[in-house]
Amino acid sequence: MFQNSDEDILDSPVINEEIVEARLRNLVLYNDDHNTFEFVIESLIQVCNHEPLQAEQCTYIVHYNGKCSVKNGSYLDLNPMRVALCDRGLSAVIE
């Protein structure tokens, strides 16, 4: 049978791991009557790193459904994008 001596316990490395679970959230873009399709598409490409087709599809979903989740991730990742979209005059929230 295996037994640890006090010396073995003192010499063993201490593993101190902190597990942080980030809750996934959605960056939601809302429709408005002020911005053009082209501007919204350009904003999604520049701010959210969308491909042009993805940005166009999201823009149409926003137009016809009133809102669209344009990006998923942690709050820390999404908040700078939300701020940048809002600075451009778009309506975006993190849910």
C-alpha atoms as a PDB file:
ATOM      1  CA  MET A   1       0.000   0.000   0.000  1.00  0.00           C
ATOM      2  CA  PHE A   2       1.283   3.493  -0.902  1.00  0.00           C
ATOM      3  CA  GLN A   3       1.791   5.941   1.941  1.00  0.00           C
ATOM      4  CA  ASN A   4       2.844   9.586   1.771  1.00  0.00           C
ATOM      5  CA  SER A   5       5.316  10.837   4.281  1.00  0.00           C
ATOM      6  CA  ASP A   6       5.119  14.382   5.595  1.00  0.00           C
ATOM      7  CA  GLU A   7       8.182  15.212   3.521  1.00  0.00           C
ATOM      8  CA  ASP A   8       6.479  14.035   0.290  1.00  0.00           C
ATOM      9  CA  ILE A   9       3.474  16.232   0.976  1.00  0.00           C
ATOM     10  CA  LEU A  10       5.619  19.305   1.646  1.00  0.00           C
ATOM     11  CA  ASP A  11       7.652  18.779  -1.534  1.00  0.00           C
ATOM     12  CA  SER A  12       4.718  18.204  -3.849  1.00  0.00           C
ATOM     13  CA  PRO A  13       3.778  21.121  -6.106  1.00  0.00           C
ATOM     14  CA  VAL A  14       0.689  23.086  -5.258  1.00  0.00           C
ATOM     15  CA  ILE A  15      -1.686  23.538  -8.144  1.00  0.00           C
ATOM     16  CA  ASN A  16      -3.812  26.590  -7.759  1.00  0.00           C
ATOM     17  CA  GLU A  17      -6.172  26.749 -10.684  1.00  0.00           C
ATOM     18  CA  GLU A  18      -8.995  29.193 -10.847  1.00  0.00           C
ATOM     19  CA  ILE A  19     -11.688  28.223 -13.280  1.00  0.00           C
ATOM     20  CA  VAL A  20     -13.490  31.210 -14.679  1.00  0.00           C
ATOM     21  CA  GLU A  21     -16.578  30.503 -16.696  1.00  0.00           C
ATOM     22  CA  ALA A  22     -17.549  33.291 -19.049  1.00  0.00           C
ATOM     23  CA  ARG A  23     -21.239  33.496 -19.763  1.00  0.00           C
ATOM     24  CA  LEU A  24     -21.845  33.754 -23.484  1.00  0.00           C
ATOM     25  CA  ARG A  25     -23.893  36.755 -24.483  1.00  0.00           C
ATOM     26  CA  ASN A  26     -25.305  38.171 -27.699  1.00  0.00           C
ATOM     27  CA  LEU A  27     -24.597  41.522 -29.296  1.00  0.00           C
ATOM     28  CA  VAL A  28     -27.977  42.497 -30.694  1.00  0.00           C
ATOM     29  CA  LEU A  29     -28.413  45.158 -33.358  1.00  0.00           C
ATOM     30  CA  TYR A  30     -31.803  46.883 -33.603  1.00  0.00           C
ATOM     31  CA  ASN A  31     -33.495  48.409 -36.616  1.00  0.00           C
ATOM     32  CA  ASP A  32     -33.771  52.159 -37.069  1.00  0.00           C
ATOM     33  CA  ASP A  33     -35.092  54.499 -39.726  1.00  0.00           C
ATOM     34  CA  HIS A  34     -31.940  56.615 -39.975  1.00  0.00           C
ATOM     35  CA  ASN A  35     -29.060  54.511 -41.250  1.00  0.00           C
ATOM     36  CA  THR A  36     -28.683  53.123 -44.761  1.00  0.00           C
ATOM     37  CA  PHE A  37     -28.154  49.470 -45.587  1.00  0.00           C
ATOM     38  CA  GLU A  38     -24.687  50.295 -46.878  1.00  0.00           C
ATOM     39  CA  PHE A  39     -23.701  52.058 -43.657  1.00  0.00           C
ATOM     40  CA  VAL A  40     -24.928  49.192 -41.460  1.00  0.00           C
ATOM     41  CA  ILE A  41     -23.137  46.616 -43.633  1.00  0.00           C
ATOM     42  CA  GLU A  42     -19.922  48.650 -43.528  1.00  0.00           C
ATOM     43  CA  SER A  43     -20.216  49.028 -39.751  1.00  0.00           C
ATOM     44  CA  LEU A  44     -20.666  45.288 -39.193  1.00  0.00           C
ATOM     45  CA  ILE A  45     -17.648  44.548 -41.380  1.00  0.00           C
ATOM     46  CA  GLN A  46     -15.428  47.098 -39.630  1.00  0.00           C
ATOM     47  CA  VAL A  47     -16.595  46.713 -36.036  1.00  0.00           C
ATOM     48  CA  CYS A  48     -17.637  43.049 -35.798  1.00  0.00           C
ATOM     49  CA  ASN A  49     -15.248  41.635 -38.418  1.00  0.00           C
ATOM     50  CA  HIS A  50     -18.107  40.213 -40.479  1.00  0.00           C
ATOM     51  CA  GLU A  51     -17.578  38.971 -43.986  1.00  0.00           C
ATOM     52  CA  PRO A  52     -19.523  41.119 -46.485  1.00  0.00           C
ATOM     53  CA  LEU A  53     -22.189  38.436 -47.083  1.00  0.00           C
ATOM     54  CA  GLN A  54     -22.659  37.867 -43.352  1.00  0.00           C
ATOM     55  CA  ALA A  55     -23.000  41.620 -42.755  1.00  0.00           C
ATOM     56  CA  GLU A  56     -25.546  41.910 -45.560  1.00  0.00           C
ATOM     57  CA  GLN A  57     -27.593  38.985 -44.217  1.00  0.00           C
ATOM     58  CA  CYS A  58     -27.609  40.437 -40.696  1.00  0.00           C
ATOM     59  CA  THR A  59     -28.660  43.812 -42.067  1.00  0.00           C
ATOM     60  CA  TYR A  60     -31.655  42.264 -43.848  1.00  0.00           C
ATOM     61  CA  ILE A  61     -32.628  40.332 -40.710  1.00  0.00           C
ATOM     62  CA  VAL A  62     -32.473  43.565 -38.692  1.00  0.00           C
ATOM     63  CA  HIS A  63     -34.584  45.347 -41.310  1.00  0.00           C
ATOM     64  CA  TYR A  64     -37.302  42.697 -41.553  1.00  0.00           C
ATOM     65  CA  ASN A  65     -37.342  41.328 -37.966  1.00  0.00           C
ATOM     66  CA  GLY A  66     -36.448  44.485 -36.054  1.00  0.00           C
ATOM     67  CA  LYS A  67     -33.305  43.007 -34.515  1.00  0.00           C
ATOM     68  CA  CYS A  68     -30.543  40.472 -35.051  1.00  0.00           C
ATOM     69  CA  SER A  69     -27.853  38.873 -32.929  1.00  0.00           C
ATOM     70  CA  VAL A  70     -24.742  39.931 -34.828  1.00  0.00           C
ATOM     71  CA  LYS A  71     -22.040  38.483 -32.549  1.00  0.00           C
ATOM     72  CA  ASN A  72     -21.733  36.019 -29.648  1.00  0.00           C
ATOM     73  CA  GLY A  73     -19.111  36.067 -26.926  1.00  0.00           C
ATOM     74  CA  SER A  74     -18.247  37.273 -23.459  1.00  0.00           C
ATOM     75  CA  TYR A  75     -19.326  40.663 -22.211  1.00  0.00           C
ATOM     76  CA  LEU A  76     -15.699  41.836 -22.205  1.00  0.00           C
ATOM     77  CA  ASP A  77     -15.315  40.937 -25.886  1.00  0.00           C
ATOM     78  CA  LEU A  78     -18.671  42.332 -26.984  1.00  0.00           C
ATOM     79  CA  ASN A  79     -18.796  45.614 -25.082  1.00  0.00           C
ATOM     80  CA  PRO A  80     -16.172  47.447 -27.185  1.00  0.00           C
ATOM     81  CA  MET A  81     -18.120  46.422 -30.315  1.00  0.00           C
ATOM     82  CA  ARG A  82     -21.390  47.629 -28.769  1.00  0.00           C
ATOM     83  CA  VAL A  83     -19.815  50.971 -27.925  1.00  0.00           C
ATOM     84  CA  ALA A  84     -18.360  51.323 -31.433  1.00  0.00           C
ATOM     85  CA  LEU A  85     -21.708  50.527 -33.072  1.00  0.00           C
ATOM     86  CA  CYS A  86     -23.514  52.989 -30.788  1.00  0.00           C
ATOM     87  CA  ASP A  87     -20.864  55.648 -31.511  1.00  0.00           C
ATOM     88  CA  ARG A  88     -21.791  55.236 -35.176  1.00  0.00           C
ATOM     89  CA  GLY A  89     -25.418  55.972 -34.349  1.00  0.00           C
ATOM     90  CA  LEU A  90     -26.642  52.359 -34.438  1.00  0.00           C
ATOM     91  CA  SER A  91     -28.767  50.784 -31.710  1.00  0.00           C
ATOM     92  CA  ALA A  92     -27.013  47.819 -30.124  1.00  0.00           C
ATOM     93  CA  VAL A  93     -27.274  46.067 -26.760  1.00  0.00           C
ATOM     94  CA  ILE A  94     -25.720  43.058 -25.091  1.00  0.00           C
ATOM     95  CA  GLU A  95     -28.192  40.424 -23.965  1.00  0.00           C
END
